Structures are given as C-alpha cells and as structure tokens.
Amino acid sequence: MEIVYKICLTISIIGAINWGLIGLLDFNLVDTLFGVQSAMSRIVYSLVGISGLVAIGILFEHFHEEDMH
C-alpha cells in the first residue's frame, strides 16, 4: 500500500505544480501537453483529483499513528 500512497502523493504534487503555474503565470501545463479538454487531459485531472482524496486518507492515517505513540 505504501507504493500506492507514494504514487498518489507524486500525482498530487504534479497537480499542485500545475495549479501554481496557472496561478502565477496563467500557464496550464496539462492543457499545453495534452490539449484543452482532450480525453488525456481529463484523465490527468481525474487522477489528480483521486490522488488528492487518497492524500486526505494518508494525512488522517499519519495523525492516527502519532496518537498511538
């Protein structure tokens, strides 16, 4: 399961970098690479969203482990 968590965190970081580029430079890397509203860009956005939800679970699991010690 640790590998899945690392993959999800990596995808979440990529999504955060993309949002940073959008906010700072008005540049959407995903749309540039895959096309605006293309099937591939929608897949990337979906993976980022799912990874963000998994990251919430990782956060709460981490807090739970700290409470146990």
C-alpha atoms as a PDB file:
ATOM      1  CA  MET A   1       0.000   0.000   0.000  1.00  0.00           C
ATOM      2  CA  GLU A   2       2.968   2.304   0.586  1.00  0.00           C
ATOM      3  CA  ILE A   3       3.726   2.311  -3.158  1.00  0.00           C
ATOM      4  CA  VAL A   4       0.159   3.426  -3.931  1.00  0.00           C
ATOM      5  CA  TYR A   5       0.499   6.238  -1.386  1.00  0.00           C
ATOM      6  CA  LYS A   6       3.767   7.406  -2.941  1.00  0.00           C
ATOM      7  CA  ILE A   7       2.242   7.367  -6.430  1.00  0.00           C
ATOM      8  CA  CYS A   8      -0.783   9.340  -5.215  1.00  0.00           C
ATOM      9  CA  LEU A   9       1.395  11.884  -3.445  1.00  0.00           C
ATOM     10  CA  THR A  10       3.533  12.295  -6.568  1.00  0.00           C
ATOM     11  CA  ILE A  11       0.461  12.867  -8.723  1.00  0.00           C
ATOM     12  CA  SER A  12      -0.886  15.336  -6.151  1.00  0.00           C
ATOM     13  CA  ILE A  13       2.395  17.248  -6.246  1.00  0.00           C
ATOM     14  CA  ILE A  14       2.260  17.378 -10.042  1.00  0.00           C
ATOM     15  CA  GLY A  15      -1.278  18.757  -9.780  1.00  0.00           C
ATOM     16  CA  ALA A  16      -0.149  21.350  -7.251  1.00  0.00           C
ATOM     17  CA  ILE A  17       2.679  22.439  -9.536  1.00  0.00           C
ATOM     18  CA  ASN A  18       0.229  22.785 -12.418  1.00  0.00           C
ATOM     19  CA  TRP A  19      -2.102  24.929 -10.262  1.00  0.00           C
ATOM     20  CA  GLY A  20       0.885  27.022  -9.212  1.00  0.00           C
ATOM     21  CA  LEU A  21       1.752  27.615 -12.853  1.00  0.00           C
ATOM     22  CA  ILE A  22      -1.843  28.577 -13.587  1.00  0.00           C
ATOM     23  CA  GLY A  23      -1.970  30.994 -10.665  1.00  0.00           C
ATOM     24  CA  LEU A  24       1.436  32.594 -11.158  1.00  0.00           C
ATOM     25  CA  LEU A  25       1.954  32.519 -14.907  1.00  0.00           C
ATOM     26  CA  ASP A  26      -1.504  31.807 -16.355  1.00  0.00           C
ATOM     27  CA  PHE A  27       0.048  28.717 -17.960  1.00  0.00           C
ATOM     28  CA  ASN A  28      -1.712  25.340 -17.865  1.00  0.00           C
ATOM     29  CA  LEU A  29       0.914  22.661 -18.435  1.00  0.00           C
ATOM     30  CA  VAL A  30      -1.601  19.802 -18.726  1.00  0.00           C
ATOM     31  CA  ASP A  31      -3.601  21.580 -21.446  1.00  0.00           C
ATOM     32  CA  THR A  32      -0.381  22.505 -23.232  1.00  0.00           C
ATOM     33  CA  LEU A  33       0.848  18.912 -23.248  1.00  0.00           C
ATOM     34  CA  PHE A  34      -2.413  17.113 -23.989  1.00  0.00           C
ATOM     35  CA  GLY A  35      -4.786  19.706 -25.439  1.00  0.00           C
ATOM     36  CA  VAL A  36      -7.638  21.676 -23.926  1.00  0.00           C
ATOM     37  CA  GLN A  37     -10.442  19.345 -22.792  1.00  0.00           C
ATOM     38  CA  SER A  38      -8.851  16.361 -24.552  1.00  0.00           C
ATOM     39  CA  ALA A  39      -9.522  12.878 -23.234  1.00  0.00           C
ATOM     40  CA  MET A  40      -5.964  12.636 -21.922  1.00  0.00           C
ATOM     41  CA  SER A  41      -6.119  15.941 -20.049  1.00  0.00           C
ATOM     42  CA  ARG A  42      -9.414  14.870 -18.457  1.00  0.00           C
ATOM     43  CA  ILE A  43      -7.760  11.608 -17.361  1.00  0.00           C
ATOM     44  CA  VAL A  44      -4.866  13.555 -15.828  1.00  0.00           C
ATOM     45  CA  TYR A  45      -7.252  15.882 -13.985  1.00  0.00           C
ATOM     46  CA  SER A  46      -9.242  12.882 -12.732  1.00  0.00           C
ATOM     47  CA  LEU A  47      -6.096  11.146 -11.488  1.00  0.00           C
ATOM     48  CA  VAL A  48      -5.014  14.314  -9.669  1.00  0.00           C
ATOM     49  CA  GLY A  49      -8.431  14.569  -8.002  1.00  0.00           C
ATOM     50  CA  ILE A  50      -8.456  10.927  -6.944  1.00  0.00           C
ATOM     51  CA  SER A  51      -4.891  11.249  -5.666  1.00  0.00           C
ATOM     52  CA  GLY A  52      -5.892  14.272  -3.612  1.00  0.00           C
ATOM     53  CA  LEU A  53      -8.650  12.258  -1.970  1.00  0.00           C
ATOM     54  CA  VAL A  54      -6.231   9.430  -1.190  1.00  0.00           C
ATOM     55  CA  ALA A  55      -3.818  12.014   0.265  1.00  0.00           C
ATOM     56  CA  ILE A  56      -6.530  13.049   2.732  1.00  0.00           C
ATOM     57  CA  GLY A  57      -6.588   9.442   3.928  1.00  0.00           C
ATOM     58  CA  ILE A  58      -2.800   9.440   4.228  1.00  0.00           C
ATOM     59  CA  LEU A  59      -2.979  12.601   6.346  1.00  0.00           C
ATOM     60  CA  PHE A  60      -5.504  11.139   8.768  1.00  0.00           C
ATOM     61  CA  GLU A  61      -3.603   7.840   8.954  1.00  0.00           C
ATOM     62  CA  HIS A  62      -0.448   9.773   9.854  1.00  0.00           C
ATOM     63  CA  PHE A  63      -2.259  11.633  12.652  1.00  0.00           C
ATOM     64  CA  HIS A  64      -3.726   8.370  13.921  1.00  0.00           C
ATOM     65  CA  GLU A  65      -0.251   6.777  14.070  1.00  0.00           C
ATOM     66  CA  GLU A  66       1.088   9.754  16.062  1.00  0.00           C
ATOM     67  CA  ASP A  67      -1.754   9.390  18.586  1.00  0.00           C
ATOM     68  CA  MET A  68      -0.879   5.721  19.062  1.00  0.00           C
ATOM     69  CA  HIS A  69       2.700   6.525  20.206  1.00  0.00           C
END
